[in-house]
Amino acid sequence: TGVTRPSGLGKPGSDIRRKRRLSASAAGSGAALSRRTHAMVACINFWLIQESGMIRLVHCVRRHPELSIADFRRYWNNSRFSDLLAQIAELSGARQVQRSLTLLIDINLQLMQERKSGEPFDAMLEIWWDNAKELELRLASPRMQELLDEMTDYQQQFIDFTRSRRFFTEWSGDAG
């Protein structure tokens, strides 16, 4: 079955009105949504039609160009990063968190050359949730805002946000 767009999506001002409703709702509970959370909520809103569908945040990460691979990996494997991820996962109700580092092997160079692609990302982070609607509600928590801000501050030290990519995906079942 295909996904139907919500009626307001794509109309001028519709996303702004939706964000204002979310902000007003959060303000009523004592929480203020940050810009980052507004962006995440805007991505999630499209999936709310399928309220029970599993979604995943995929973050394909590139290190700061001036940072060595070894230094990047020290940040990535640091206990502070692990602790922040664990706290965000617990508070957001995440089903699973997976961190992957790109293997430094010759075949990755071969794969780039075969398809004439750019260099691979340095790492990948995936966070899975069972329900987009529940995630939307949990993002409004003041503690979640604090954790997301702490995570951003930490990641700015080693992740090049302008060359990295983040996006939500919907789970479409197991193959085969």
Protein backbone atom coordinates (compact mmCIF):
# COMPACT_ATOMS: atom_id res chain seq x y z
CA THR A 1 0.00 0.00 0.00
CA GLY A 2 1.20 3.50 -0.74
CA VAL A 3 1.58 6.27 1.75
CA THR A 4 -0.89 9.12 1.38
CA ARG A 5 0.35 12.65 2.01
CA PRO A 6 -1.35 14.47 4.85
CA SER A 7 -3.74 17.05 3.42
CA GLY A 8 -1.75 20.07 4.65
CA LEU A 9 1.67 18.86 3.52
CA GLY A 10 3.12 20.92 0.73
CA LYS A 11 0.73 23.86 1.08
CA PRO A 12 2.40 27.18 1.87
CA GLY A 13 2.49 27.72 5.61
CA SER A 14 1.15 24.28 6.50
CA ASP A 15 4.42 23.11 8.08
CA ILE A 16 4.66 26.38 10.01
CA ARG A 17 1.15 25.97 11.39
CA ARG A 18 1.91 22.36 12.35
CA LYS A 19 5.10 23.43 14.14
CA ARG A 20 3.23 26.18 15.98
CA ARG A 21 0.63 23.65 17.15
CA LEU A 22 3.42 21.36 18.37
CA SER A 23 5.14 24.28 20.11
CA ALA A 24 1.92 25.39 21.76
CA SER A 25 1.24 21.82 22.86
CA ALA A 26 4.76 21.49 24.27
CA ALA A 27 4.60 24.89 25.93
CA GLY A 28 1.42 23.85 27.68
CA SER A 29 3.33 20.96 29.24
CA GLY A 30 6.22 23.20 30.26
CA ALA A 31 8.51 22.11 27.41
CA ALA A 32 9.92 24.27 24.63
CA LEU A 33 10.88 22.59 21.37
CA SER A 34 14.24 23.52 19.88
CA ARG A 35 14.81 24.18 16.18
CA ARG A 36 16.46 20.77 15.89
CA THR A 37 13.42 19.08 17.37
CA HIS A 38 11.12 21.04 15.05
CA ALA A 39 13.09 19.66 12.10
CA MET A 40 12.87 16.10 13.45
CA VAL A 41 9.15 16.46 14.14
CA ALA A 42 8.56 17.81 10.63
CA CYS A 43 10.20 14.66 9.24
CA ILE A 44 8.20 12.40 11.52
CA ASN A 45 4.84 14.08 10.80
CA PHE A 46 4.70 12.53 7.34
CA TRP A 47 4.75 9.07 8.89
CA LEU A 48 2.08 9.76 11.49
CA ILE A 49 -0.56 8.43 9.11
CA GLN A 50 0.94 4.99 9.66
CA GLU A 51 1.01 5.51 13.42
CA SER A 52 2.24 2.02 14.23
CA GLY A 53 4.99 1.84 11.60
CA MET A 54 8.62 1.37 12.60
CA ILE A 55 10.89 4.24 11.63
CA ARG A 56 14.65 4.62 11.70
CA LEU A 57 16.89 7.65 11.89
CA VAL A 58 19.97 7.04 9.76
CA HIS A 59 22.95 9.34 10.27
CA CYS A 60 25.76 8.91 7.74
CA VAL A 61 28.71 10.67 9.32
CA ARG A 62 31.81 12.37 7.97
CA ARG A 63 34.58 13.55 10.26
CA HIS A 64 35.94 17.07 10.25
CA PRO A 65 38.52 17.19 7.42
CA GLU A 66 41.29 18.36 9.76
CA LEU A 67 40.65 15.45 12.15
CA SER A 68 42.62 12.24 11.68
CA ILE A 69 40.75 8.95 11.34
CA ALA A 70 42.30 7.79 14.63
CA ASP A 71 41.10 10.93 16.45
CA PHE A 72 37.62 10.60 14.92
CA ARG A 73 37.42 7.00 16.13
CA ARG A 74 38.47 8.04 19.64
CA TYR A 75 35.52 10.45 19.79
CA TRP A 76 33.16 7.86 18.23
CA ASN A 77 34.17 5.14 20.70
CA ASN A 78 34.33 7.46 23.72
CA SER A 79 32.21 6.52 26.74
CA ARG A 80 30.61 9.99 26.74
CA PHE A 81 29.18 9.37 23.26
CA SER A 82 27.98 5.90 24.31
CA ASP A 83 26.36 7.29 27.46
CA LEU A 84 24.58 10.09 25.59
CA LEU A 85 23.29 7.63 22.99
CA ALA A 86 22.06 5.27 25.71
CA GLN A 87 20.23 8.07 27.53
CA ILE A 88 18.63 9.37 24.31
CA ALA A 89 17.62 5.84 23.34
CA GLU A 90 16.02 5.16 26.71
CA LEU A 91 14.20 8.48 26.97
CA SER A 92 12.99 8.35 23.35
CA GLY A 93 11.82 4.74 23.62
CA ALA A 94 14.20 3.54 20.90
CA ARG A 95 14.06 -0.14 20.11
CA GLN A 96 17.67 -0.32 18.95
CA VAL A 97 20.77 1.80 18.40
CA GLN A 98 23.52 0.68 16.04
CA ARG A 99 26.87 2.38 15.51
CA SER A 100 29.12 1.35 12.67
CA LEU A 101 32.57 2.52 11.62
CA THR A 102 33.68 2.23 7.99
CA LEU A 103 36.24 -0.51 7.53
CA LEU A 104 39.63 0.73 6.40
CA ILE A 105 40.13 -1.99 3.79
CA ASP A 106 41.16 -2.05 0.14
CA ILE A 107 37.81 -3.34 -1.10
CA ASN A 108 36.15 -0.07 -0.02
CA LEU A 109 38.51 1.78 -2.37
CA GLN A 110 37.61 -0.69 -5.11
CA LEU A 111 33.89 -0.15 -4.50
CA MET A 112 34.36 3.63 -4.83
CA GLN A 113 36.28 3.23 -8.08
CA GLU A 114 33.76 0.81 -9.62
CA ARG A 115 30.90 3.28 -9.34
CA LYS A 116 32.97 6.45 -9.43
CA SER A 117 31.50 7.47 -6.10
CA GLY A 118 32.97 9.76 -3.50
CA GLU A 119 34.72 8.58 -0.41
CA PRO A 120 32.61 6.54 1.99
CA PHE A 121 31.20 8.03 5.15
CA ASP A 122 33.40 7.56 8.20
CA ALA A 123 30.62 6.05 10.28
CA MET A 124 26.91 5.39 10.45
CA LEU A 125 24.43 5.64 13.29
CA GLU A 126 20.95 4.09 13.19
CA ILE A 127 18.25 4.50 15.80
CA TRP A 128 15.03 2.47 15.46
CA TRP A 129 11.63 3.23 16.95
CA ASP A 130 8.49 1.12 16.84
CA ASN A 131 6.13 4.06 16.63
CA ALA A 132 6.54 7.53 15.11
CA LYS A 133 3.70 9.05 17.12
CA GLU A 134 5.21 7.95 20.43
CA LEU A 135 8.60 9.35 19.38
CA GLU A 136 6.98 12.69 18.53
CA LEU A 137 5.53 12.91 22.04
CA ARG A 138 8.81 11.96 23.72
CA LEU A 139 10.77 14.58 21.76
CA ALA A 140 8.86 17.33 23.59
CA SER A 141 10.36 16.38 26.96
CA PRO A 142 12.62 19.06 28.50
CA ARG A 143 15.15 16.36 29.45
CA MET A 144 15.18 15.16 25.83
CA GLN A 145 15.96 18.70 24.69
CA GLU A 146 18.88 18.85 27.13
CA LEU A 147 20.23 15.52 25.88
CA LEU A 148 19.90 16.52 22.21
CA ASP A 149 21.75 19.76 22.93
CA GLU A 150 24.49 17.87 24.78
CA MET A 151 24.76 15.43 21.88
CA THR A 152 25.06 18.25 19.35
CA ASP A 153 27.76 19.94 21.44
CA TYR A 154 29.68 16.68 21.67
CA GLN A 155 29.31 15.77 17.99
CA GLN A 156 30.42 19.23 16.81
CA GLN A 157 33.90 18.33 18.01
CA PHE A 158 34.37 15.55 15.47
CA ILE A 159 31.48 15.42 12.97
CA ASP A 160 31.33 17.66 9.92
CA PHE A 161 27.58 18.34 9.88
CA THR A 162 27.70 19.97 6.43
CA ARG A 163 29.10 16.80 4.81
CA SER A 164 27.11 14.31 6.89
CA ARG A 165 23.55 13.21 6.13
CA ARG A 166 20.58 12.42 8.39
CA PHE A 167 17.23 11.09 7.30
CA PHE A 168 14.32 8.98 8.49
CA THR A 169 13.36 5.75 6.80
CA GLU A 170 10.35 3.51 7.21
CA TRP A 171 10.81 -0.19 7.80
CA SER A 172 9.32 -2.13 4.92
CA GLY A 173 9.73 -5.67 6.22
CA ASP A 174 12.35 -8.32 5.91
CA ALA A 175 13.48 -9.37 2.45
CA GLY A 176 12.80 -12.91 1.40
